[in-house]
Amino acid sequence: MNLASKIPSPVIDQLSSLQGFVMSKVAPTLSFSGGLISSSAALLGSKPDANAETKVGSDEDAAEKYSVDIETAKLISSNAVKFHLAEDTTAGNEEAKLCLMKGGSASWGVLADYEACVRSIADGGDANSGDGQTGRLRVDAFFAASDLMIGKGGQEYFEKCWRQEGMAGKVDFDSQVCEGTDHDSVLVDFRLGALKKVFGRIAPNGSTS
């Protein structure tokens, strides 16, 4: 990300064109921006996860995701890319510049100082719930076992912000690593990712059925 922040804004304005070229010519089945990063890491010698039975993005994974046979899953995946590229994606250029703090007049607002932002959220966490009851804010954070976007440093910084002095008694914060996942799969992997845990917690009586 430090390297990306050095890229001039006029170059970032071509990001949508580059994305279209990569998705239509280089990797037609690519569906996540992080997948391009993971693929680059593989070329540089990063070892794949040998423990994962079904890789996110594989034909088997797509078949399970859509609850169809593998051939139908391939057709769905290829058409998803086709229809994605049929839309105007130039807004992604502006989003990238905003994420890199190159958004011109746009700013990160209160998130420019994340530690202060978290304190502000915590201070408002004891608000009345509307039914006469009060309660603390609960924050559950899920991290990939290996994340090329934020690394362990990003995880440690996020955890430090939510566990800083003065937070105790205001926020119930929990953090866990989803073993066997990476930047692409930490959310969407059906067996190892976070979504199953999230839905399990919010479903009535803790049931995921």
N, C-alpha and C. Protein backbone atom coordinates (compact mmCIF):
# COMPACT_ATOMS: atom_id res chain seq x y z
N MET A 1 0.82 -1.20 0.00
CA MET A 1 0.00 0.00 0.00
C MET A 1 0.86 1.26 0.00
N ASN A 2 2.03 1.18 0.66
CA ASN A 2 2.95 2.33 0.62
C ASN A 2 3.40 2.60 -0.81
N LEU A 3 3.66 1.53 -1.55
CA LEU A 3 4.06 1.68 -2.95
C LEU A 3 2.92 2.26 -3.77
N ALA A 4 1.70 1.77 -3.54
CA ALA A 4 0.54 2.26 -4.28
C ALA A 4 0.30 3.74 -4.03
N SER A 5 0.59 4.21 -2.82
CA SER A 5 0.36 5.61 -2.48
C SER A 5 1.26 6.55 -3.26
N LYS A 6 2.34 6.02 -3.84
CA LYS A 6 3.26 6.84 -4.62
C LYS A 6 2.82 7.01 -6.07
N ILE A 7 1.83 6.24 -6.49
CA ILE A 7 1.37 6.30 -7.88
C ILE A 7 0.65 7.62 -8.13
N PRO A 8 1.01 8.38 -9.17
CA PRO A 8 0.35 9.65 -9.47
C PRO A 8 -1.13 9.45 -9.79
N SER A 9 -1.94 10.43 -9.42
CA SER A 9 -3.38 10.35 -9.66
C SER A 9 -3.74 10.10 -11.12
N PRO A 10 -3.05 10.74 -12.10
CA PRO A 10 -3.40 10.48 -13.51
C PRO A 10 -3.25 9.01 -13.89
N VAL A 11 -2.33 8.32 -13.25
CA VAL A 11 -2.15 6.89 -13.54
C VAL A 11 -3.32 6.10 -12.93
N ILE A 12 -3.73 6.49 -11.72
CA ILE A 12 -4.85 5.80 -11.07
C ILE A 12 -6.13 6.01 -11.87
N ASP A 13 -6.23 7.12 -12.59
CA ASP A 13 -7.41 7.37 -13.41
C ASP A 13 -7.56 6.35 -14.53
N GLN A 14 -6.51 5.57 -14.79
CA GLN A 14 -6.57 4.52 -15.82
C GLN A 14 -6.84 3.15 -15.22
N LEU A 15 -7.11 3.11 -13.92
CA LEU A 15 -7.28 1.83 -13.23
C LEU A 15 -8.42 1.01 -13.82
N SER A 16 -9.54 1.66 -14.14
CA SER A 16 -10.69 0.92 -14.67
C SER A 16 -10.35 0.27 -16.01
N SER A 17 -9.56 0.97 -16.83
CA SER A 17 -9.15 0.39 -18.11
C SER A 17 -8.24 -0.81 -17.89
N LEU A 18 -7.34 -0.68 -16.92
CA LEU A 18 -6.44 -1.78 -16.61
C LEU A 18 -7.22 -2.97 -16.08
N GLN A 19 -8.19 -2.69 -15.21
CA GLN A 19 -9.01 -3.76 -14.66
C GLN A 19 -9.75 -4.49 -15.77
N GLY A 20 -10.29 -3.73 -16.72
CA GLY A 20 -11.01 -4.35 -17.83
C GLY A 20 -10.10 -5.24 -18.65
N PHE A 21 -8.86 -4.79 -18.86
CA PHE A 21 -7.91 -5.59 -19.64
C PHE A 21 -7.55 -6.87 -18.91
N VAL A 22 -7.28 -6.74 -17.60
CA VAL A 22 -6.91 -7.93 -16.82
C VAL A 22 -8.05 -8.94 -16.78
N MET A 23 -9.26 -8.44 -16.52
CA MET A 23 -10.39 -9.34 -16.34
C MET A 23 -10.85 -9.98 -17.65
N SER A 24 -10.70 -9.26 -18.75
CA SER A 24 -11.19 -9.80 -20.03
C SER A 24 -10.12 -10.54 -20.81
N LYS A 25 -8.85 -10.18 -20.61
CA LYS A 25 -7.78 -10.76 -21.41
C LYS A 25 -6.83 -11.65 -20.61
N VAL A 26 -6.48 -11.20 -19.41
CA VAL A 26 -5.46 -11.91 -18.63
C VAL A 26 -6.06 -13.02 -17.77
N ALA A 27 -7.09 -12.69 -17.04
CA ALA A 27 -7.69 -13.69 -16.13
C ALA A 27 -9.20 -13.56 -16.17
N PRO A 28 -9.87 -14.18 -17.16
CA PRO A 28 -11.32 -14.02 -17.33
C PRO A 28 -12.14 -14.46 -16.13
N THR A 29 -11.60 -15.33 -15.30
CA THR A 29 -12.37 -15.81 -14.15
C THR A 29 -12.10 -15.02 -12.89
N LEU A 30 -11.25 -13.99 -12.96
CA LEU A 30 -10.92 -13.20 -11.77
C LEU A 30 -12.12 -12.39 -11.33
N SER A 31 -12.49 -12.51 -10.06
CA SER A 31 -13.68 -11.79 -9.58
C SER A 31 -13.39 -10.87 -8.41
N PHE A 32 -12.20 -10.99 -7.78
CA PHE A 32 -11.86 -10.14 -6.65
C PHE A 32 -10.56 -9.41 -6.95
N SER A 33 -10.51 -8.12 -6.60
CA SER A 33 -9.28 -7.37 -6.82
C SER A 33 -8.12 -7.99 -6.08
N GLY A 34 -8.40 -8.52 -4.89
CA GLY A 34 -7.36 -9.16 -4.11
C GLY A 34 -6.80 -10.39 -4.79
N GLY A 35 -7.60 -10.99 -5.69
CA GLY A 35 -7.13 -12.17 -6.40
C GLY A 35 -5.93 -11.86 -7.26
N LEU A 36 -5.89 -10.67 -7.83
CA LEU A 36 -4.76 -10.27 -8.65
C LEU A 36 -3.51 -10.18 -7.80
N ILE A 37 -3.65 -9.67 -6.57
CA ILE A 37 -2.53 -9.56 -5.67
C ILE A 37 -2.05 -10.95 -5.26
N SER A 38 -2.99 -11.84 -4.96
CA SER A 38 -2.63 -13.20 -4.56
C SER A 38 -1.91 -13.92 -5.69
N SER A 39 -2.39 -13.70 -6.92
CA SER A 39 -1.75 -14.33 -8.06
C SER A 39 -0.32 -13.83 -8.24
N SER A 40 -0.13 -12.52 -8.02
CA SER A 40 1.21 -11.96 -8.13
C SER A 40 2.13 -12.53 -7.05
N ALA A 41 1.58 -12.71 -5.84
CA ALA A 41 2.37 -13.28 -4.76
C ALA A 41 2.81 -14.69 -5.08
N ALA A 42 1.91 -15.44 -5.75
CA ALA A 42 2.25 -16.81 -6.13
C ALA A 42 3.42 -16.83 -7.10
N LEU A 43 3.43 -15.86 -8.01
CA LEU A 43 4.53 -15.79 -8.97
C LEU A 43 5.85 -15.46 -8.27
N LEU A 44 5.76 -14.77 -7.13
CA LEU A 44 6.95 -14.40 -6.39
C LEU A 44 7.40 -15.48 -5.42
N GLY A 45 6.66 -16.59 -5.41
CA GLY A 45 7.13 -17.71 -4.60
C GLY A 45 6.34 -18.00 -3.36
N SER A 46 5.22 -17.30 -3.11
CA SER A 46 4.42 -17.59 -1.93
C SER A 46 3.81 -18.98 -2.07
N LYS A 47 3.80 -19.73 -0.97
CA LYS A 47 3.29 -21.09 -1.00
C LYS A 47 1.79 -21.11 -0.82
N PRO A 48 1.07 -21.90 -1.64
CA PRO A 48 -0.37 -22.01 -1.48
C PRO A 48 -0.73 -22.76 -0.21
N ASP A 49 -1.94 -22.57 0.26
CA ASP A 49 -2.40 -23.25 1.47
C ASP A 49 -2.74 -24.69 1.13
N ALA A 50 -1.96 -25.60 1.62
CA ALA A 50 -2.16 -27.01 1.29
C ALA A 50 -3.27 -27.64 2.11
N ASN A 51 -3.76 -26.94 3.14
CA ASN A 51 -4.77 -27.52 4.02
C ASN A 51 -6.19 -27.28 3.52
N ALA A 52 -6.37 -26.27 2.68
CA ALA A 52 -7.71 -25.96 2.20
C ALA A 52 -8.16 -27.02 1.20
N GLU A 53 -9.32 -27.63 1.47
CA GLU A 53 -9.79 -28.70 0.59
C GLU A 53 -10.31 -28.14 -0.73
N THR A 54 -10.99 -27.01 -0.68
CA THR A 54 -11.54 -26.41 -1.88
C THR A 54 -11.17 -24.94 -1.89
N LYS A 55 -10.46 -24.51 -2.92
CA LYS A 55 -10.02 -23.13 -2.99
C LYS A 55 -11.14 -22.20 -3.41
N VAL A 56 -11.18 -21.01 -2.79
CA VAL A 56 -12.12 -19.98 -3.21
C VAL A 56 -11.78 -19.59 -4.64
N GLY A 57 -12.80 -19.57 -5.52
CA GLY A 57 -12.57 -19.24 -6.91
C GLY A 57 -12.44 -20.47 -7.78
N SER A 58 -12.31 -21.66 -7.20
CA SER A 58 -12.20 -22.89 -7.98
C SER A 58 -13.57 -23.27 -8.51
N ASP A 59 -13.59 -24.20 -9.49
CA ASP A 59 -14.86 -24.65 -10.04
C ASP A 59 -15.71 -25.32 -8.97
N GLU A 60 -15.05 -26.10 -8.10
CA GLU A 60 -15.80 -26.78 -7.05
C GLU A 60 -16.41 -25.79 -6.07
N ASP A 61 -15.64 -24.75 -5.77
CA ASP A 61 -16.13 -23.72 -4.85
C ASP A 61 -17.33 -22.99 -5.45
N ALA A 62 -17.25 -22.66 -6.75
CA ALA A 62 -18.35 -21.97 -7.41
C ALA A 62 -19.59 -22.85 -7.46
N ALA A 63 -19.41 -24.15 -7.69
CA ALA A 63 -20.54 -25.07 -7.73
C ALA A 63 -21.26 -25.10 -6.39
N GLU A 64 -20.49 -25.11 -5.31
CA GLU A 64 -21.10 -25.09 -3.98
C GLU A 64 -21.77 -23.76 -3.70
N LYS A 65 -21.12 -22.69 -4.13
CA LYS A 65 -21.65 -21.34 -3.88
C LYS A 65 -23.02 -21.16 -4.54
N TYR A 66 -23.15 -21.62 -5.79
CA TYR A 66 -24.39 -21.42 -6.54
C TYR A 66 -25.35 -22.61 -6.43
N SER A 67 -24.91 -23.69 -5.76
CA SER A 67 -25.73 -24.90 -5.59
C SER A 67 -26.13 -25.50 -6.94
N VAL A 68 -25.16 -25.55 -7.84
CA VAL A 68 -25.38 -26.14 -9.16
C VAL A 68 -24.23 -27.07 -9.49
N ASP A 69 -24.31 -27.75 -10.66
CA ASP A 69 -23.19 -28.59 -11.08
C ASP A 69 -22.04 -27.73 -11.57
N ILE A 70 -20.87 -28.34 -11.71
CA ILE A 70 -19.66 -27.59 -12.05
C ILE A 70 -19.77 -26.88 -13.39
N GLU A 71 -20.35 -27.51 -14.40
CA GLU A 71 -20.45 -26.89 -15.72
C GLU A 71 -21.33 -25.64 -15.67
N THR A 72 -22.43 -25.73 -14.93
CA THR A 72 -23.30 -24.56 -14.80
C THR A 72 -22.60 -23.45 -14.02
N ALA A 73 -21.83 -23.85 -12.99
CA ALA A 73 -21.07 -22.86 -12.21
C ALA A 73 -20.07 -22.13 -13.08
N LYS A 74 -19.42 -22.86 -14.00
CA LYS A 74 -18.47 -22.22 -14.92
C LYS A 74 -19.18 -21.18 -15.78
N LEU A 75 -20.38 -21.52 -16.25
CA LEU A 75 -21.15 -20.61 -17.10
C LEU A 75 -21.55 -19.35 -16.33
N ILE A 76 -21.98 -19.54 -15.09
CA ILE A 76 -22.36 -18.40 -14.25
C ILE A 76 -21.16 -17.49 -14.01
N SER A 77 -20.01 -18.10 -13.68
CA SER A 77 -18.81 -17.31 -13.39
C SER A 77 -18.35 -16.51 -14.61
N SER A 78 -18.36 -17.14 -15.78
CA SER A 78 -17.91 -16.44 -16.98
C SER A 78 -18.85 -15.30 -17.35
N ASN A 79 -20.16 -15.51 -17.16
CA ASN A 79 -21.11 -14.44 -17.47
C ASN A 79 -21.06 -13.33 -16.43
N ALA A 80 -20.69 -13.67 -15.18
CA ALA A 80 -20.57 -12.63 -14.15
C ALA A 80 -19.50 -11.63 -14.56
N VAL A 81 -18.37 -12.13 -15.07
CA VAL A 81 -17.30 -11.24 -15.54
C VAL A 81 -17.78 -10.42 -16.73
N LYS A 82 -18.47 -11.07 -17.65
CA LYS A 82 -18.96 -10.39 -18.85
C LYS A 82 -19.87 -9.22 -18.49
N PHE A 83 -20.82 -9.47 -17.60
CA PHE A 83 -21.76 -8.41 -17.23
C PHE A 83 -21.12 -7.35 -16.34
N HIS A 84 -20.12 -7.76 -15.55
CA HIS A 84 -19.40 -6.77 -14.75
C HIS A 84 -18.70 -5.78 -15.67
N LEU A 85 -18.05 -6.28 -16.71
CA LEU A 85 -17.32 -5.40 -17.61
C LEU A 85 -18.25 -4.59 -18.50
N ALA A 86 -19.52 -4.97 -18.58
CA ALA A 86 -20.47 -4.21 -19.38
C ALA A 86 -20.88 -2.92 -18.68
N GLU A 87 -20.63 -2.84 -17.39
CA GLU A 87 -20.97 -1.65 -16.61
C GLU A 87 -19.79 -0.67 -16.62
N ASP A 88 -20.10 0.59 -16.36
CA ASP A 88 -19.07 1.62 -16.25
C ASP A 88 -18.37 1.47 -14.90
N THR A 89 -17.08 1.22 -14.91
CA THR A 89 -16.33 1.00 -13.66
C THR A 89 -15.38 2.16 -13.34
N THR A 90 -15.56 3.30 -14.01
CA THR A 90 -14.64 4.42 -13.77
C THR A 90 -14.75 4.96 -12.35
N ALA A 91 -15.87 4.71 -11.67
CA ALA A 91 -15.99 5.17 -10.29
C ALA A 91 -14.96 4.49 -9.40
N GLY A 92 -14.51 3.32 -9.82
CA GLY A 92 -13.47 2.63 -9.07
C GLY A 92 -12.17 3.43 -9.00
N ASN A 93 -11.93 4.24 -10.03
CA ASN A 93 -10.73 5.08 -10.02
C ASN A 93 -10.79 6.07 -8.86
N GLU A 94 -11.96 6.70 -8.69
CA GLU A 94 -12.12 7.67 -7.62
C GLU A 94 -12.06 6.99 -6.25
N GLU A 95 -12.62 5.79 -6.16
CA GLU A 95 -12.57 5.06 -4.90
C GLU A 95 -11.12 4.74 -4.53
N ALA A 96 -10.34 4.33 -5.53
CA ALA A 96 -8.93 4.01 -5.28
C ALA A 96 -8.18 5.23 -4.79
N LYS A 97 -8.44 6.39 -5.41
CA LYS A 97 -7.76 7.62 -4.99
C LYS A 97 -8.17 8.02 -3.58
N LEU A 98 -9.44 7.82 -3.25
CA LEU A 98 -9.90 8.15 -1.91
C LEU A 98 -9.21 7.24 -0.89
N CYS A 99 -9.12 5.95 -1.19
CA CYS A 99 -8.47 5.01 -0.28
C CYS A 99 -7.00 5.36 -0.08
N LEU A 100 -6.37 5.92 -1.11
CA LEU A 100 -4.96 6.30 -1.04
C LEU A 100 -4.78 7.74 -0.60
N MET A 101 -5.88 8.38 -0.16
CA MET A 101 -5.85 9.79 0.25
C MET A 101 -5.38 10.70 -0.87
N LYS A 102 -5.82 10.38 -2.09
CA LYS A 102 -5.53 11.22 -3.24
C LYS A 102 -6.83 11.73 -3.86
N GLY A 103 -7.86 11.86 -3.02
CA GLY A 103 -9.18 12.19 -3.53
C GLY A 103 -9.47 13.67 -3.72
N GLY A 104 -8.46 14.52 -3.74
CA GLY A 104 -8.70 15.94 -3.95
C GLY A 104 -9.46 16.54 -2.79
N SER A 105 -10.64 17.09 -3.07
CA SER A 105 -11.43 17.74 -2.02
C SER A 105 -12.08 16.73 -1.08
N ALA A 106 -12.19 15.48 -1.53
CA ALA A 106 -12.77 14.45 -0.68
C ALA A 106 -11.78 14.09 0.42
N SER A 107 -12.30 13.68 1.57
CA SER A 107 -11.43 13.33 2.68
C SER A 107 -11.99 12.12 3.41
N TRP A 108 -11.19 11.60 4.31
CA TRP A 108 -11.62 10.46 5.11
C TRP A 108 -12.48 10.89 6.30
N GLY A 109 -12.62 12.19 6.50
CA GLY A 109 -13.43 12.68 7.61
C GLY A 109 -12.89 12.20 8.94
N VAL A 110 -13.77 11.72 9.82
CA VAL A 110 -13.36 11.28 11.15
C VAL A 110 -12.43 10.08 11.09
N LEU A 111 -12.44 9.33 9.99
CA LEU A 111 -11.60 8.15 9.88
C LEU A 111 -10.14 8.49 9.61
N ALA A 112 -9.85 9.76 9.34
CA ALA A 112 -8.47 10.17 9.13
C ALA A 112 -7.64 9.93 10.39
N ASP A 113 -8.29 9.99 11.55
CA ASP A 113 -7.66 9.65 12.82
C ASP A 113 -8.46 8.49 13.40
N TYR A 114 -8.07 7.27 13.08
CA TYR A 114 -8.89 6.12 13.42
C TYR A 114 -8.99 5.89 14.93
N GLU A 115 -7.91 6.13 15.64
CA GLU A 115 -7.95 5.95 17.09
C GLU A 115 -8.97 6.90 17.71
N ALA A 116 -8.98 8.15 17.28
CA ALA A 116 -9.95 9.12 17.79
C ALA A 116 -11.36 8.75 17.38
N CYS A 117 -11.51 8.22 16.17
CA CYS A 117 -12.82 7.80 15.69
C CYS A 117 -13.38 6.68 16.55
N VAL A 118 -12.54 5.71 16.89
CA VAL A 118 -12.97 4.60 17.73
C VAL A 118 -13.39 5.09 19.11
N ARG A 119 -12.63 6.04 19.67
CA ARG A 119 -13.00 6.60 20.98
C ARG A 119 -14.36 7.28 20.90
N SER A 120 -14.61 7.97 19.79
CA SER A 120 -15.89 8.66 19.62
C SER A 120 -17.04 7.64 19.54
N ILE A 121 -16.81 6.55 18.83
CA ILE A 121 -17.83 5.50 18.73
C ILE A 121 -18.10 4.90 20.11
N ALA A 122 -17.03 4.65 20.85
CA ALA A 122 -17.17 4.05 22.18
C ALA A 122 -17.93 4.97 23.12
N ASP A 123 -17.69 6.25 23.03
CA ASP A 123 -18.37 7.21 23.90
C ASP A 123 -19.87 7.24 23.65
N GLY A 124 -20.28 6.87 22.43
CA GLY A 124 -21.71 6.84 22.12
C GLY A 124 -22.31 5.47 22.24
N GLY A 125 -21.51 4.50 22.70
CA GLY A 125 -21.97 3.11 22.73
C GLY A 125 -22.94 2.78 23.83
N ASP A 126 -23.09 3.64 24.82
CA ASP A 126 -24.02 3.36 25.93
C ASP A 126 -25.38 4.00 25.72
N ALA A 127 -25.65 4.39 24.47
CA ALA A 127 -26.93 5.05 24.20
C ALA A 127 -28.09 4.10 24.45
N ASN A 128 -29.24 4.69 24.76
CA ASN A 128 -30.43 3.89 25.03
C ASN A 128 -30.83 3.13 23.78
N SER A 129 -31.21 1.87 23.93
CA SER A 129 -31.53 1.02 22.78
C SER A 129 -32.93 1.27 22.24
N GLY A 130 -33.75 2.06 22.95
CA GLY A 130 -35.09 2.36 22.48
C GLY A 130 -36.17 1.62 23.24
N ASP A 131 -35.77 0.57 23.96
CA ASP A 131 -36.76 -0.18 24.73
C ASP A 131 -36.55 0.00 26.23
N GLY A 132 -35.84 1.09 26.56
CA GLY A 132 -35.58 1.36 27.97
C GLY A 132 -34.35 0.68 28.50
N GLN A 133 -33.68 -0.09 27.66
CA GLN A 133 -32.48 -0.81 28.08
C GLN A 133 -31.24 -0.13 27.51
N THR A 134 -30.16 -0.25 28.21
CA THR A 134 -28.89 0.26 27.70
C THR A 134 -27.93 -0.90 27.54
N GLY A 135 -26.99 -0.74 26.65
CA GLY A 135 -26.04 -1.82 26.42
C GLY A 135 -24.80 -1.31 25.73
N ARG A 136 -23.73 -2.09 25.88
CA ARG A 136 -22.46 -1.71 25.26
C ARG A 136 -22.42 -2.19 23.81
N LEU A 137 -21.63 -1.49 23.04
CA LEU A 137 -21.39 -1.88 21.66
C LEU A 137 -20.54 -3.15 21.64
N ARG A 138 -20.88 -4.07 20.74
CA ARG A 138 -20.08 -5.28 20.57
C ARG A 138 -19.44 -5.24 19.19
N VAL A 139 -18.14 -5.45 19.15
CA VAL A 139 -17.39 -5.46 17.89
C VAL A 139 -16.66 -6.78 17.78
N ASP A 140 -16.94 -7.53 16.71
CA ASP A 140 -16.24 -8.78 16.43
C ASP A 140 -15.40 -8.58 15.19
N ALA A 141 -14.10 -8.79 15.30
CA ALA A 141 -13.18 -8.62 14.18
C ALA A 141 -12.65 -9.97 13.74
N PHE A 142 -12.65 -10.20 12.43
CA PHE A 142 -12.15 -11.45 11.87
C PHE A 142 -11.01 -11.13 10.90
N PHE A 143 -9.90 -11.81 11.07
CA PHE A 143 -8.74 -11.58 10.22
C PHE A 143 -8.31 -12.86 9.52
N ALA A 144 -7.72 -12.68 8.35
CA ALA A 144 -7.19 -13.82 7.61
C ALA A 144 -5.88 -14.28 8.25
N ALA A 145 -5.59 -15.56 8.09
CA ALA A 145 -4.34 -16.08 8.62
C ALA A 145 -3.16 -15.46 7.89
N SER A 146 -3.37 -15.15 6.60
CA SER A 146 -2.33 -14.50 5.80
C SER A 146 -3.00 -13.48 4.89
N ASP A 147 -2.70 -12.20 5.10
CA ASP A 147 -3.35 -11.14 4.34
C ASP A 147 -2.29 -10.23 3.73
N LEU A 148 -2.18 -10.27 2.40
CA LEU A 148 -1.16 -9.47 1.72
C LEU A 148 -1.52 -7.99 1.68
N MET A 149 -2.77 -7.65 1.96
CA MET A 149 -3.18 -6.26 1.91
C MET A 149 -2.81 -5.50 3.18
N ILE A 150 -3.07 -6.10 4.35
CA ILE A 150 -2.81 -5.37 5.60
C ILE A 150 -1.70 -6.00 6.43
N GLY A 151 -1.38 -7.27 6.18
CA GLY A 151 -0.33 -7.92 6.95
C GLY A 151 -0.69 -8.01 8.43
N LYS A 152 0.21 -8.54 9.22
CA LYS A 152 -0.01 -8.63 10.66
C LYS A 152 0.00 -7.25 11.31
N GLY A 153 0.74 -6.33 10.72
CA GLY A 153 0.80 -4.98 11.27
C GLY A 153 -0.55 -4.29 11.25
N GLY A 154 -1.30 -4.48 10.16
CA GLY A 154 -2.63 -3.88 10.06
C GLY A 154 -3.58 -4.46 11.09
N GLN A 155 -3.48 -5.77 11.28
CA GLN A 155 -4.32 -6.42 12.30
C GLN A 155 -3.99 -5.89 13.68
N GLU A 156 -2.71 -5.80 13.99
CA GLU A 156 -2.29 -5.33 15.32
C GLU A 156 -2.74 -3.89 15.57
N TYR A 157 -2.66 -3.04 14.52
CA TYR A 157 -3.08 -1.65 14.67
C TYR A 157 -4.58 -1.57 14.95
N PHE A 158 -5.38 -2.34 14.21
CA PHE A 158 -6.83 -2.32 14.40
C PHE A 158 -7.18 -2.78 15.81
N GLU A 159 -6.55 -3.84 16.25
CA GLU A 159 -6.82 -4.36 17.60
C GLU A 159 -6.40 -3.35 18.66
N LYS A 160 -5.28 -2.69 18.43
CA LYS A 160 -4.80 -1.70 19.40
C LYS A 160 -5.79 -0.55 19.53
N CYS A 161 -6.39 -0.12 18.41
CA CYS A 161 -7.35 0.98 18.45
C CYS A 161 -8.56 0.63 19.31
N TRP A 162 -9.03 -0.61 19.21
CA TRP A 162 -10.23 -1.00 19.94
C TRP A 162 -9.93 -1.42 21.37
N ARG A 163 -8.65 -1.57 21.69
CA ARG A 163 -8.28 -1.95 23.05
C ARG A 163 -7.48 -0.86 23.75
N GLN A 164 -7.52 0.35 23.19
CA GLN A 164 -6.76 1.44 23.77
C GLN A 164 -7.33 1.83 25.13
N GLU A 165 -6.57 2.60 25.85
CA GLU A 165 -6.96 3.03 27.19
C GLU A 165 -8.31 3.76 27.15
N GLY A 166 -9.16 3.43 28.08
CA GLY A 166 -10.46 4.08 28.18
C GLY A 166 -11.58 3.33 27.50
N MET A 167 -11.26 2.24 26.80
CA MET A 167 -12.28 1.49 26.08
C MET A 167 -12.97 0.45 26.97
N ALA A 168 -12.27 0.00 28.00
CA ALA A 168 -12.83 -1.03 28.88
C ALA A 168 -14.13 -0.55 29.50
N GLY A 169 -15.14 -1.41 29.45
CA GLY A 169 -16.44 -1.05 30.01
C GLY A 169 -17.34 -0.33 29.03
N LYS A 170 -16.80 0.05 27.88
CA LYS A 170 -17.60 0.75 26.88
C LYS A 170 -17.89 -0.11 25.65
N VAL A 171 -16.93 -0.96 25.29
CA VAL A 171 -17.06 -1.79 24.09
C VAL A 171 -16.63 -3.21 24.40
N ASP A 172 -17.44 -4.17 23.97
CA ASP A 172 -17.06 -5.58 24.05
C ASP A 172 -16.39 -5.93 22.73
N PHE A 173 -15.07 -6.03 22.75
CA PHE A 173 -14.32 -6.27 21.52
C PHE A 173 -13.71 -7.66 21.54
N ASP A 174 -13.90 -8.37 20.42
CA ASP A 174 -13.31 -9.70 20.28
C ASP A 174 -12.66 -9.82 18.91
N SER A 175 -11.51 -10.44 18.87
CA SER A 175 -10.77 -10.58 17.63
C SER A 175 -10.33 -12.02 17.47
N GLN A 176 -10.46 -12.54 16.24
CA GLN A 176 -9.99 -13.89 15.99
C GLN A 176 -9.50 -14.04 14.56
N VAL A 177 -8.61 -15.00 14.37
CA VAL A 177 -8.03 -15.29 13.06
C VAL A 177 -8.72 -16.51 12.48
N CYS A 178 -9.13 -16.42 11.23
CA CYS A 178 -9.74 -17.54 10.53
C CYS A 178 -8.62 -18.35 9.89
N GLU A 179 -8.21 -19.41 10.54
CA GLU A 179 -7.09 -20.21 10.06
C GLU A 179 -7.37 -20.78 8.67
N GLY A 180 -6.34 -20.79 7.85
CA GLY A 180 -6.47 -21.35 6.51
C GLY A 180 -7.02 -20.39 5.49
N THR A 181 -7.26 -19.10 5.87
CA THR A 181 -7.81 -18.13 4.93
C THR A 181 -6.77 -17.08 4.56
N ASP A 182 -7.05 -16.38 3.44
CA ASP A 182 -6.22 -15.26 3.01
C ASP A 182 -7.13 -14.06 2.76
N HIS A 183 -6.60 -13.02 2.13
CA HIS A 183 -7.37 -11.80 1.90
C HIS A 183 -8.65 -12.07 1.12
N ASP A 184 -8.59 -12.99 0.16
CA ASP A 184 -9.76 -13.27 -0.67
C ASP A 184 -10.80 -14.11 0.04
N SER A 185 -10.36 -15.04 0.87
CA SER A 185 -11.28 -16.05 1.39
C SER A 185 -11.74 -15.83 2.83
N VAL A 186 -11.17 -14.85 3.54
CA VAL A 186 -11.50 -14.68 4.96
C VAL A 186 -12.99 -14.43 5.18
N LEU A 187 -13.66 -13.84 4.21
CA LEU A 187 -15.09 -13.59 4.36
C LEU A 187 -15.92 -14.69 3.70
N VAL A 188 -15.55 -15.09 2.49
CA VAL A 188 -16.46 -15.89 1.67
C VAL A 188 -16.20 -17.39 1.68
N ASP A 189 -15.12 -17.86 2.26
CA ASP A 189 -14.90 -19.30 2.32
C ASP A 189 -15.98 -19.93 3.20
N PHE A 190 -16.70 -20.90 2.65
CA PHE A 190 -17.87 -21.45 3.35
C PHE A 190 -17.48 -22.29 4.57
N ARG A 191 -16.28 -22.82 4.57
CA ARG A 191 -15.86 -23.68 5.68
C ARG A 191 -14.98 -22.95 6.68
N LEU A 192 -14.09 -22.09 6.18
CA LEU A 192 -13.09 -21.49 7.05
C LEU A 192 -13.31 -20.01 7.33
N GLY A 193 -14.10 -19.34 6.48
CA GLY A 193 -14.25 -17.89 6.58
C GLY A 193 -15.16 -17.44 7.72
N ALA A 194 -15.37 -16.12 7.78
CA ALA A 194 -16.07 -15.51 8.93
C ALA A 194 -17.58 -15.54 8.82
N LEU A 195 -18.13 -15.61 7.60
CA LEU A 195 -19.58 -15.45 7.45
C LEU A 195 -20.37 -16.48 8.24
N LYS A 196 -19.91 -17.73 8.24
CA LYS A 196 -20.64 -18.77 8.96
C LYS A 196 -20.70 -18.44 10.45
N LYS A 197 -19.59 -17.94 10.99
CA LYS A 197 -19.55 -17.55 12.41
C LYS A 197 -20.49 -16.36 12.67
N VAL A 198 -20.49 -15.40 11.75
CA VAL A 198 -21.32 -14.21 11.92
C VAL A 198 -22.80 -14.57 11.93
N PHE A 199 -23.23 -15.35 10.94
CA PHE A 199 -24.63 -15.73 10.87
C PHE A 199 -25.02 -16.64 12.04
N GLY A 200 -24.07 -17.44 12.50
CA GLY A 200 -24.34 -18.28 13.66
C GLY A 200 -24.62 -17.46 14.90
N ARG A 201 -23.99 -16.29 15.02
CA ARG A 201 -24.18 -15.45 16.19
C ARG A 201 -25.46 -14.63 16.15
N ILE A 202 -25.88 -14.27 14.95
CA ILE A 202 -27.06 -13.40 14.86
C ILE A 202 -28.34 -14.20 14.65
N ALA A 203 -28.24 -15.49 14.30
CA ALA A 203 -29.44 -16.31 14.11
C ALA A 203 -30.11 -16.56 15.46
N PRO A 204 -31.43 -16.71 15.46
CA PRO A 204 -32.15 -16.99 16.72
C PRO A 204 -31.60 -18.24 17.40
N ASN A 205 -31.34 -18.10 18.70
CA ASN A 205 -30.82 -19.20 19.51
C ASN A 205 -29.49 -19.73 19.02
N GLY A 206 -28.79 -18.93 18.22
CA GLY A 206 -27.48 -19.36 17.74
C GLY A 206 -27.53 -20.41 16.67
N SER A 207 -28.71 -20.65 16.09
CA SER A 207 -28.86 -21.68 15.04
C SER A 207 -28.55 -21.10 13.69
N THR A 208 -27.86 -21.86 12.84
CA THR A 208 -27.54 -21.41 11.47
C THR A 208 -28.47 -22.06 10.47
N SER A 209 -29.47 -22.81 10.92
CA SER A 209 -30.37 -23.49 9.98
C SER A 209 -31.39 -22.50 9.43
